[in-house]
Amino acid sequence: MLMDGFADRARIAALEEVVLGVQGVTGVQSLRARLMGSRVHVDVTVLVPSQMSIVEAHAVADRVEEALIRLSDVREVHVHVEPDVVAQAK
């Protein structure tokens, strides 16, 4: 996890917890947060079930973005989606 301008690991963990609470997310591959003035910009790569359709995966990405934007200090969110091939193998 990258924390440009962040000294608070608890805040990064809280952002990750929000992402993991979104239906369809099976994991967080990476999460970067940058402080731009008083606002946070988040770049996150989430894992979704590998058998999920592109349409469903896009909906998950939208839900992740919406969940993070609801936080008062988050201004911009970029969500990347990757298949969770490890979860499928289990």
N, C-alpha and C. Protein backbone atom coordinates (compact mmCIF):
# COMPACT_ATOMS: atom_id res chain seq x y z
N MET A 1 0.83 -1.18 0.00
CA MET A 1 0.00 0.00 0.00
C MET A 1 0.88 1.24 0.00
N LEU A 2 0.58 2.16 -0.86
CA LEU A 2 1.32 3.40 -0.97
C LEU A 2 0.57 4.49 -0.23
N MET A 3 1.30 5.30 0.51
CA MET A 3 0.65 6.33 1.30
C MET A 3 1.31 7.68 1.05
N ASP A 4 1.26 8.19 -0.17
CA ASP A 4 1.84 9.50 -0.47
C ASP A 4 1.15 10.54 0.40
N GLY A 5 1.90 11.20 1.26
CA GLY A 5 1.32 12.24 2.09
C GLY A 5 0.52 11.71 3.27
N PHE A 6 0.50 10.40 3.44
CA PHE A 6 -0.23 9.80 4.55
C PHE A 6 0.76 9.29 5.58
N ALA A 7 0.54 9.62 6.82
CA ALA A 7 1.37 9.08 7.90
C ALA A 7 0.55 8.10 8.74
N ASP A 8 -0.72 7.98 8.44
CA ASP A 8 -1.64 7.22 9.27
C ASP A 8 -2.02 5.90 8.61
N ARG A 9 -1.36 4.84 9.02
CA ARG A 9 -1.66 3.51 8.47
C ARG A 9 -3.08 3.08 8.81
N ALA A 10 -3.60 3.56 9.92
CA ALA A 10 -4.98 3.22 10.30
C ALA A 10 -5.97 3.75 9.26
N ARG A 11 -5.69 4.92 8.69
CA ARG A 11 -6.57 5.49 7.67
C ARG A 11 -6.55 4.64 6.40
N ILE A 12 -5.38 4.17 6.02
CA ILE A 12 -5.26 3.30 4.85
C ILE A 12 -6.02 2.00 5.11
N ALA A 13 -5.87 1.45 6.30
CA ALA A 13 -6.58 0.22 6.67
C ALA A 13 -8.09 0.44 6.63
N ALA A 14 -8.54 1.62 7.05
CA ALA A 14 -9.97 1.93 7.02
C ALA A 14 -10.48 2.01 5.59
N LEU A 15 -9.69 2.58 4.69
CA LEU A 15 -10.09 2.63 3.27
C LEU A 15 -10.20 1.22 2.71
N GLU A 16 -9.23 0.37 3.05
CA GLU A 16 -9.26 -1.01 2.57
C GLU A 16 -10.48 -1.75 3.12
N GLU A 17 -10.83 -1.49 4.37
CA GLU A 17 -12.00 -2.13 4.97
C GLU A 17 -13.28 -1.75 4.24
N VAL A 18 -13.38 -0.48 3.84
CA VAL A 18 -14.54 -0.03 3.07
C VAL A 18 -14.62 -0.81 1.76
N VAL A 19 -13.50 -0.94 1.07
CA VAL A 19 -13.46 -1.65 -0.21
C VAL A 19 -13.84 -3.11 -0.02
N LEU A 20 -13.30 -3.75 1.00
CA LEU A 20 -13.59 -5.17 1.24
C LEU A 20 -15.05 -5.40 1.62
N GLY A 21 -15.73 -4.35 2.07
CA GLY A 21 -17.14 -4.47 2.42
C GLY A 21 -18.08 -4.39 1.23
N VAL A 22 -17.54 -4.13 0.06
CA VAL A 22 -18.37 -4.01 -1.15
C VAL A 22 -18.67 -5.40 -1.70
N GLN A 23 -19.94 -5.64 -1.96
CA GLN A 23 -20.37 -6.93 -2.50
C GLN A 23 -19.66 -7.22 -3.82
N GLY A 24 -19.08 -8.41 -3.92
CA GLY A 24 -18.40 -8.83 -5.14
C GLY A 24 -16.89 -8.73 -5.04
N VAL A 25 -16.37 -7.97 -4.08
CA VAL A 25 -14.92 -7.84 -3.90
C VAL A 25 -14.43 -9.01 -3.06
N THR A 26 -13.46 -9.77 -3.60
CA THR A 26 -12.90 -10.90 -2.85
C THR A 26 -11.55 -10.56 -2.23
N GLY A 27 -10.97 -9.43 -2.63
CA GLY A 27 -9.70 -9.02 -2.06
C GLY A 27 -9.24 -7.69 -2.63
N VAL A 28 -8.21 -7.15 -1.99
CA VAL A 28 -7.59 -5.91 -2.46
C VAL A 28 -6.16 -6.25 -2.84
N GLN A 29 -5.84 -6.10 -4.12
CA GLN A 29 -4.49 -6.39 -4.59
C GLN A 29 -3.54 -5.23 -4.25
N SER A 30 -4.02 -4.02 -4.43
CA SER A 30 -3.23 -2.84 -4.06
C SER A 30 -4.16 -1.68 -3.78
N LEU A 31 -3.70 -0.79 -2.93
CA LEU A 31 -4.45 0.41 -2.61
C LEU A 31 -3.45 1.54 -2.40
N ARG A 32 -3.61 2.60 -3.17
CA ARG A 32 -2.75 3.78 -3.04
C ARG A 32 -3.64 4.96 -2.71
N ALA A 33 -3.21 5.75 -1.78
CA ALA A 33 -3.94 6.96 -1.42
C ALA A 33 -2.96 8.12 -1.39
N ARG A 34 -3.38 9.21 -2.00
CA ARG A 34 -2.54 10.41 -2.03
C ARG A 34 -3.34 11.57 -1.46
N LEU A 35 -2.69 12.33 -0.64
CA LEU A 35 -3.31 13.51 -0.08
C LEU A 35 -3.03 14.69 -1.00
N MET A 36 -4.08 15.30 -1.50
CA MET A 36 -3.98 16.48 -2.37
C MET A 36 -4.68 17.61 -1.63
N GLY A 37 -3.90 18.42 -0.93
CA GLY A 37 -4.51 19.43 -0.06
C GLY A 37 -5.17 18.71 1.10
N SER A 38 -6.46 18.94 1.27
CA SER A 38 -7.20 18.26 2.34
C SER A 38 -8.00 17.08 1.82
N ARG A 39 -7.86 16.78 0.54
CA ARG A 39 -8.65 15.71 -0.09
C ARG A 39 -7.78 14.52 -0.42
N VAL A 40 -8.42 13.36 -0.46
CA VAL A 40 -7.72 12.10 -0.72
C VAL A 40 -8.09 11.60 -2.11
N HIS A 41 -7.08 11.17 -2.84
CA HIS A 41 -7.27 10.51 -4.13
C HIS A 41 -6.86 9.05 -3.94
N VAL A 42 -7.73 8.13 -4.35
CA VAL A 42 -7.51 6.71 -4.12
C VAL A 42 -7.40 5.97 -5.45
N ASP A 43 -6.42 5.09 -5.54
CA ASP A 43 -6.24 4.20 -6.68
C ASP A 43 -6.20 2.79 -6.10
N VAL A 44 -7.19 1.98 -6.45
CA VAL A 44 -7.29 0.65 -5.85
C VAL A 44 -7.48 -0.41 -6.92
N THR A 45 -6.83 -1.54 -6.73
CA THR A 45 -7.03 -2.71 -7.59
C THR A 45 -7.72 -3.76 -6.74
N VAL A 46 -8.94 -4.12 -7.16
CA VAL A 46 -9.72 -5.11 -6.41
C VAL A 46 -9.74 -6.44 -7.16
N LEU A 47 -9.92 -7.49 -6.39
CA LEU A 47 -10.07 -8.83 -6.96
C LEU A 47 -11.55 -9.20 -6.93
N VAL A 48 -12.00 -9.82 -8.01
CA VAL A 48 -13.37 -10.32 -8.11
C VAL A 48 -13.30 -11.76 -8.59
N PRO A 49 -14.35 -12.54 -8.36
CA PRO A 49 -14.33 -13.93 -8.83
C PRO A 49 -14.01 -14.00 -10.32
N SER A 50 -13.14 -14.93 -10.68
CA SER A 50 -12.67 -14.99 -12.07
C SER A 50 -13.77 -15.35 -13.07
N GLN A 51 -14.83 -15.98 -12.61
CA GLN A 51 -15.92 -16.33 -13.52
C GLN A 51 -16.92 -15.18 -13.69
N MET A 52 -16.71 -14.07 -13.02
CA MET A 52 -17.62 -12.93 -13.09
C MET A 52 -17.55 -12.31 -14.49
N SER A 53 -18.71 -11.91 -15.01
CA SER A 53 -18.74 -11.28 -16.33
C SER A 53 -18.15 -9.87 -16.25
N ILE A 54 -17.82 -9.34 -17.41
CA ILE A 54 -17.28 -7.98 -17.47
C ILE A 54 -18.32 -6.98 -16.96
N VAL A 55 -19.55 -7.20 -17.31
CA VAL A 55 -20.63 -6.30 -16.85
C VAL A 55 -20.72 -6.31 -15.33
N GLU A 56 -20.68 -7.51 -14.74
CA GLU A 56 -20.74 -7.62 -13.28
C GLU A 56 -19.52 -6.98 -12.63
N ALA A 57 -18.34 -7.22 -13.20
CA ALA A 57 -17.11 -6.66 -12.65
C ALA A 57 -17.13 -5.13 -12.71
N HIS A 58 -17.68 -4.60 -13.79
CA HIS A 58 -17.80 -3.14 -13.91
C HIS A 58 -18.74 -2.59 -12.83
N ALA A 59 -19.82 -3.32 -12.56
CA ALA A 59 -20.75 -2.90 -11.50
C ALA A 59 -20.07 -2.91 -10.14
N VAL A 60 -19.22 -3.90 -9.90
CA VAL A 60 -18.46 -3.95 -8.64
C VAL A 60 -17.56 -2.72 -8.54
N ALA A 61 -16.86 -2.40 -9.62
CA ALA A 61 -15.99 -1.23 -9.63
C ALA A 61 -16.78 0.05 -9.33
N ASP A 62 -17.96 0.16 -9.90
CA ASP A 62 -18.82 1.33 -9.62
C ASP A 62 -19.19 1.39 -8.15
N ARG A 63 -19.52 0.23 -7.56
CA ARG A 63 -19.89 0.20 -6.14
C ARG A 63 -18.71 0.57 -5.24
N VAL A 64 -17.52 0.12 -5.61
CA VAL A 64 -16.32 0.48 -4.84
C VAL A 64 -16.12 2.00 -4.89
N GLU A 65 -16.21 2.56 -6.08
CA GLU A 65 -16.04 4.00 -6.23
C GLU A 65 -17.07 4.76 -5.40
N GLU A 66 -18.33 4.35 -5.48
CA GLU A 66 -19.39 5.01 -4.73
C GLU A 66 -19.16 4.92 -3.22
N ALA A 67 -18.72 3.76 -2.75
CA ALA A 67 -18.48 3.57 -1.31
C ALA A 67 -17.37 4.49 -0.82
N LEU A 68 -16.31 4.63 -1.60
CA LEU A 68 -15.20 5.48 -1.18
C LEU A 68 -15.53 6.96 -1.30
N ILE A 69 -16.25 7.35 -2.33
CA ILE A 69 -16.62 8.75 -2.53
C ILE A 69 -17.55 9.23 -1.41
N ARG A 70 -18.31 8.32 -0.82
CA ARG A 70 -19.19 8.69 0.30
C ARG A 70 -18.40 9.19 1.51
N LEU A 71 -17.14 8.81 1.61
CA LEU A 71 -16.30 9.29 2.71
C LEU A 71 -16.02 10.78 2.49
N SER A 72 -16.12 11.55 3.53
CA SER A 72 -16.09 13.01 3.40
C SER A 72 -14.81 13.57 2.80
N ASP A 73 -13.67 12.90 3.01
CA ASP A 73 -12.41 13.47 2.53
C ASP A 73 -11.93 12.89 1.21
N VAL A 74 -12.64 11.92 0.67
CA VAL A 74 -12.22 11.30 -0.60
C VAL A 74 -12.83 12.08 -1.76
N ARG A 75 -11.97 12.51 -2.66
CA ARG A 75 -12.43 13.32 -3.79
C ARG A 75 -12.45 12.54 -5.10
N GLU A 76 -11.44 11.71 -5.31
CA GLU A 76 -11.32 11.01 -6.59
C GLU A 76 -10.93 9.57 -6.34
N VAL A 77 -11.54 8.66 -7.12
CA VAL A 77 -11.27 7.23 -6.97
C VAL A 77 -11.08 6.62 -8.35
N HIS A 78 -10.04 5.81 -8.48
CA HIS A 78 -9.81 5.02 -9.68
C HIS A 78 -9.81 3.56 -9.24
N VAL A 79 -10.66 2.76 -9.87
CA VAL A 79 -10.77 1.35 -9.50
C VAL A 79 -10.36 0.48 -10.68
N HIS A 80 -9.47 -0.45 -10.42
CA HIS A 80 -9.04 -1.43 -11.40
C HIS A 80 -9.54 -2.79 -10.91
N VAL A 81 -9.93 -3.65 -11.82
CA VAL A 81 -10.48 -4.96 -11.46
C VAL A 81 -9.61 -6.05 -12.05
N GLU A 82 -9.29 -7.04 -11.22
CA GLU A 82 -8.52 -8.21 -11.65
C GLU A 82 -9.26 -9.47 -11.21
N PRO A 83 -9.14 -10.55 -11.98
CA PRO A 83 -9.77 -11.81 -11.56
C PRO A 83 -9.02 -12.43 -10.39
N ASP A 84 -9.77 -12.96 -9.44
CA ASP A 84 -9.19 -13.62 -8.28
C ASP A 84 -9.04 -15.11 -8.61
N VAL A 85 -7.93 -15.45 -9.23
CA VAL A 85 -7.71 -16.85 -9.64
C VAL A 85 -7.37 -17.73 -8.45
N VAL A 86 -6.84 -17.16 -7.38
CA VAL A 86 -6.53 -17.93 -6.18
C VAL A 86 -7.82 -18.42 -5.53
N ALA A 87 -8.82 -17.55 -5.43
CA ALA A 87 -10.09 -17.94 -4.82
C ALA A 87 -10.77 -19.03 -5.63
N GLN A 88 -10.63 -18.99 -6.95
CA GLN A 88 -11.25 -20.00 -7.80
C GLN A 88 -10.59 -21.36 -7.59
N ALA A 89 -9.30 -21.39 -7.33
CA ALA A 89 -8.56 -22.64 -7.17
C ALA A 89 -8.90 -23.35 -5.87
N LYS A 90 -9.46 -22.62 -4.91
CA LYS A 90 -9.76 -23.23 -3.61
C LYS A 90 -10.95 -24.15 -3.66
